[in-house]
Structure formats: structure tokens, C-alpha cells
Amino acid sequence: MRSAALYYAGCEEHHQHQPHFLEACFLCQKPLGHNRDIFMYRGNTPFCTQECRQEQMEIDEAEEKSWKLSKKAALRQTDPTKKTGPNKTVRTGTVAVA
């Protein structure tokens, strides 16, 4: 029984050191004041001002764009159906069948 009490006491200490997600701005780490507006983004990400939230949105958009571009480049390099180089043959014109 004593070991169970120590376990719960340890658990309690662990929770005291974990900051609540609404204590500080996600971007600038400024403490979020009581009775002040908290600006949320993507569910549970808090910001102290609309400006901090907008900056994070722009950062996320830039990262997504970069990720999509790198993904496209990787697909082009690994796609075996798209051959490039001097041995590539391209035929243009009209074919008539009688």
C-alpha cells in the first residue's frame, strides 16, 4: 500500500510541472492573461494577438508549399514513366488509317 501512495505522489508532482497549453502564446511565449482574448488556430494552438496567429499561419503555409514542391520534385526523380535525356524519342504528326 505504501508503494501505491508513492506512485500517486509522483504522478501528482509530474502534473504540476506540465504547463497548461493556454498559459503562453505558441509563437512568442508571452503569458496569456486572464480576462483577455486568446486567439486560437488549428484547434488548440493559442496566440496572444491576431498578429502572432497570422504570422504562424504564414509560416505554416510556407512550410506546406515547400513540402509540396519537394514532394513533386521527388516524384519526378523517381517516376520511371517520365524519361528525359538524349535518348528520348518524340514523334509528332497525324496518322491516317485506311
C-alpha atoms as a PDB file:
ATOM      1  CA  MET A   1       0.000   0.000   0.000  1.00  0.00           C
ATOM      2  CA  ARG A   2       2.856   2.355   0.719  1.00  0.00           C
ATOM      3  CA  SER A   3       4.278   1.926  -2.787  1.00  0.00           C
ATOM      4  CA  ALA A   4       0.902   2.915  -4.278  1.00  0.00           C
ATOM      5  CA  ALA A   5       0.948   6.130  -2.246  1.00  0.00           C
ATOM      6  CA  LEU A   6       4.440   6.938  -3.523  1.00  0.00           C
ATOM      7  CA  TYR A   7       3.326   6.276  -7.088  1.00  0.00           C
ATOM      8  CA  TYR A   8       0.384   8.647  -6.826  1.00  0.00           C
ATOM      9  CA  ALA A   9       2.520  11.303  -5.155  1.00  0.00           C
ATOM     10  CA  GLY A  10       5.000  11.014  -8.022  1.00  0.00           C
ATOM     11  CA  CYS A  11       2.217  11.313 -10.561  1.00  0.00           C
ATOM     12  CA  GLU A  12       0.920  14.422  -8.832  1.00  0.00           C
ATOM     13  CA  GLU A  13       4.340  16.072  -8.994  1.00  0.00           C
ATOM     14  CA  HIS A  14       4.594  15.243 -12.694  1.00  0.00           C
ATOM     15  CA  HIS A  15       1.311  17.002 -13.457  1.00  0.00           C
ATOM     16  CA  GLN A  16       2.323  20.102 -11.501  1.00  0.00           C
ATOM     17  CA  HIS A  17       5.337  20.663 -13.773  1.00  0.00           C
ATOM     18  CA  GLN A  18       3.381  20.288 -17.017  1.00  0.00           C
ATOM     19  CA  PRO A  19       2.306  23.746 -18.256  1.00  0.00           C
ATOM     20  CA  HIS A  20      -1.274  24.093 -19.428  1.00  0.00           C
ATOM     21  CA  PHE A  21      -1.500  24.697 -23.167  1.00  0.00           C
ATOM     22  CA  LEU A  22      -3.328  28.007 -22.640  1.00  0.00           C
ATOM     23  CA  GLU A  23      -0.665  29.570 -20.386  1.00  0.00           C
ATOM     24  CA  ALA A  24       1.518  31.097 -23.107  1.00  0.00           C
ATOM     25  CA  CYS A  25       1.400  32.185 -26.733  1.00  0.00           C
ATOM     26  CA  PHE A  26       2.556  29.392 -29.024  1.00  0.00           C
ATOM     27  CA  LEU A  27       4.705  31.738 -31.125  1.00  0.00           C
ATOM     28  CA  CYS A  28       6.220  34.339 -28.786  1.00  0.00           C
ATOM     29  CA  GLN A  29       5.731  32.507 -25.460  1.00  0.00           C
ATOM     30  CA  LYS A  30       4.175  35.644 -23.913  1.00  0.00           C
ATOM     31  CA  PRO A  31       1.961  34.670 -20.951  1.00  0.00           C
ATOM     32  CA  LEU A  32      -1.713  34.682 -21.805  1.00  0.00           C
ATOM     33  CA  GLY A  33      -3.500  36.974 -19.356  1.00  0.00           C
ATOM     34  CA  HIS A  34      -6.735  36.244 -17.597  1.00  0.00           C
ATOM     35  CA  ASN A  35      -9.811  38.002 -18.973  1.00  0.00           C
ATOM     36  CA  ARG A  36      -8.018  38.713 -22.252  1.00  0.00           C
ATOM     37  CA  ASP A  37      -8.792  37.351 -25.675  1.00  0.00           C
ATOM     38  CA  ILE A  38      -6.956  34.220 -26.744  1.00  0.00           C
ATOM     39  CA  PHE A  39      -6.684  33.703 -30.484  1.00  0.00           C
ATOM     40  CA  MET A  40      -6.850  30.035 -31.453  1.00  0.00           C
ATOM     41  CA  TYR A  41      -5.537  28.326 -34.592  1.00  0.00           C
ATOM     42  CA  ARG A  42      -5.853  24.741 -35.791  1.00  0.00           C
ATOM     43  CA  GLY A  43      -7.868  23.551 -32.863  1.00  0.00           C
ATOM     44  CA  ASN A  44      -5.841  24.024 -29.714  1.00  0.00           C
ATOM     45  CA  THR A  45      -2.940  26.334 -30.556  1.00  0.00           C
ATOM     46  CA  PRO A  46      -3.238  29.606 -28.581  1.00  0.00           C
ATOM     47  CA  PHE A  47      -1.873  33.034 -29.532  1.00  0.00           C
ATOM     48  CA  CYS A  48      -1.777  36.321 -27.625  1.00  0.00           C
ATOM     49  CA  THR A  49      -2.681  38.516 -30.626  1.00  0.00           C
ATOM     50  CA  GLN A  50      -4.108  38.259 -34.103  1.00  0.00           C
ATOM     51  CA  GLU A  51      -0.664  39.231 -35.403  1.00  0.00           C
ATOM     52  CA  CYS A  52       1.049  36.247 -33.740  1.00  0.00           C
ATOM     53  CA  ARG A  53      -1.640  33.931 -35.088  1.00  0.00           C
ATOM     54  CA  GLN A  54      -1.307  35.388 -38.606  1.00  0.00           C
ATOM     55  CA  GLU A  55       2.483  35.009 -38.514  1.00  0.00           C
ATOM     56  CA  GLN A  56       2.121  31.325 -37.565  1.00  0.00           C
ATOM     57  CA  MET A  57      -0.420  30.825 -40.356  1.00  0.00           C
ATOM     58  CA  GLU A  58       2.040  32.302 -42.855  1.00  0.00           C
ATOM     59  CA  ILE A  59       4.848  30.103 -41.517  1.00  0.00           C
ATOM     60  CA  ASP A  60       2.643  27.009 -41.873  1.00  0.00           C
ATOM     61  CA  GLU A  61       1.598  27.961 -45.413  1.00  0.00           C
ATOM     62  CA  ALA A  62       5.238  28.450 -46.455  1.00  0.00           C
ATOM     63  CA  GLU A  63       6.198  25.079 -44.951  1.00  0.00           C
ATOM     64  CA  GLU A  64       3.296  23.336 -46.704  1.00  0.00           C
ATOM     65  CA  LYS A  65       4.219  24.937 -50.027  1.00  0.00           C
ATOM     66  CA  SER A  66       7.851  23.921 -49.594  1.00  0.00           C
ATOM     67  CA  TRP A  67       6.823  20.385 -48.647  1.00  0.00           C
ATOM     68  CA  LYS A  68       4.543  20.082 -51.707  1.00  0.00           C
ATOM     69  CA  LEU A  69       7.290  21.351 -54.026  1.00  0.00           C
ATOM     70  CA  SER A  70       9.861  18.939 -52.614  1.00  0.00           C
ATOM     71  CA  LYS A  71       7.342  16.097 -52.885  1.00  0.00           C
ATOM     72  CA  LYS A  72       6.716  16.948 -56.569  1.00  0.00           C
ATOM     73  CA  ALA A  73      10.462  17.066 -57.242  1.00  0.00           C
ATOM     74  CA  ALA A  74      10.944  13.696 -55.558  1.00  0.00           C
ATOM     75  CA  LEU A  75       8.139  12.176 -57.616  1.00  0.00           C
ATOM     76  CA  ARG A  76       9.677  13.479 -60.835  1.00  0.00           C
ATOM     77  CA  GLN A  77      13.022  11.903 -59.953  1.00  0.00           C
ATOM     78  CA  THR A  78      11.551   8.502 -59.121  1.00  0.00           C
ATOM     79  CA  ASP A  79       8.853   8.263 -61.845  1.00  0.00           C
ATOM     80  CA  PRO A  80      10.074   5.606 -64.327  1.00  0.00           C
ATOM     81  CA  THR A  81       7.489   6.594 -66.981  1.00  0.00           C
ATOM     82  CA  LYS A  82       8.981  10.044 -67.391  1.00  0.00           C
ATOM     83  CA  LYS A  83      12.264   9.643 -69.214  1.00  0.00           C
ATOM     84  CA  THR A  84      14.467  12.550 -70.037  1.00  0.00           C
ATOM     85  CA  GLY A  85      17.732  12.803 -71.803  1.00  0.00           C
ATOM     86  CA  PRO A  86      19.227  12.462 -75.305  1.00  0.00           C
ATOM     87  CA  ASN A  87      17.685   9.010 -75.986  1.00  0.00           C
ATOM     88  CA  LYS A  88      14.121  10.235 -75.673  1.00  0.00           C
ATOM     89  CA  THR A  89      12.151   9.965 -78.926  1.00  0.00           C
ATOM     90  CA  VAL A  90       9.243  12.274 -79.576  1.00  0.00           C
ATOM     91  CA  ARG A  91       7.038  11.783 -82.639  1.00  0.00           C
ATOM     92  CA  THR A  92       4.527  14.380 -83.725  1.00  0.00           C
ATOM     93  CA  GLY A  93       2.146  14.418 -86.657  1.00  0.00           C
ATOM     94  CA  THR A  94      -1.046  12.848 -87.905  1.00  0.00           C
ATOM     95  CA  VAL A  95      -1.662   9.178 -88.502  1.00  0.00           C
ATOM     96  CA  ALA A  96      -4.294   8.167 -91.061  1.00  0.00           C
ATOM     97  CA  VAL A  97      -5.572   4.595 -91.212  1.00  0.00           C
ATOM     98  CA  ALA A  98      -7.467   3.350 -94.282  1.00  0.00           C
END
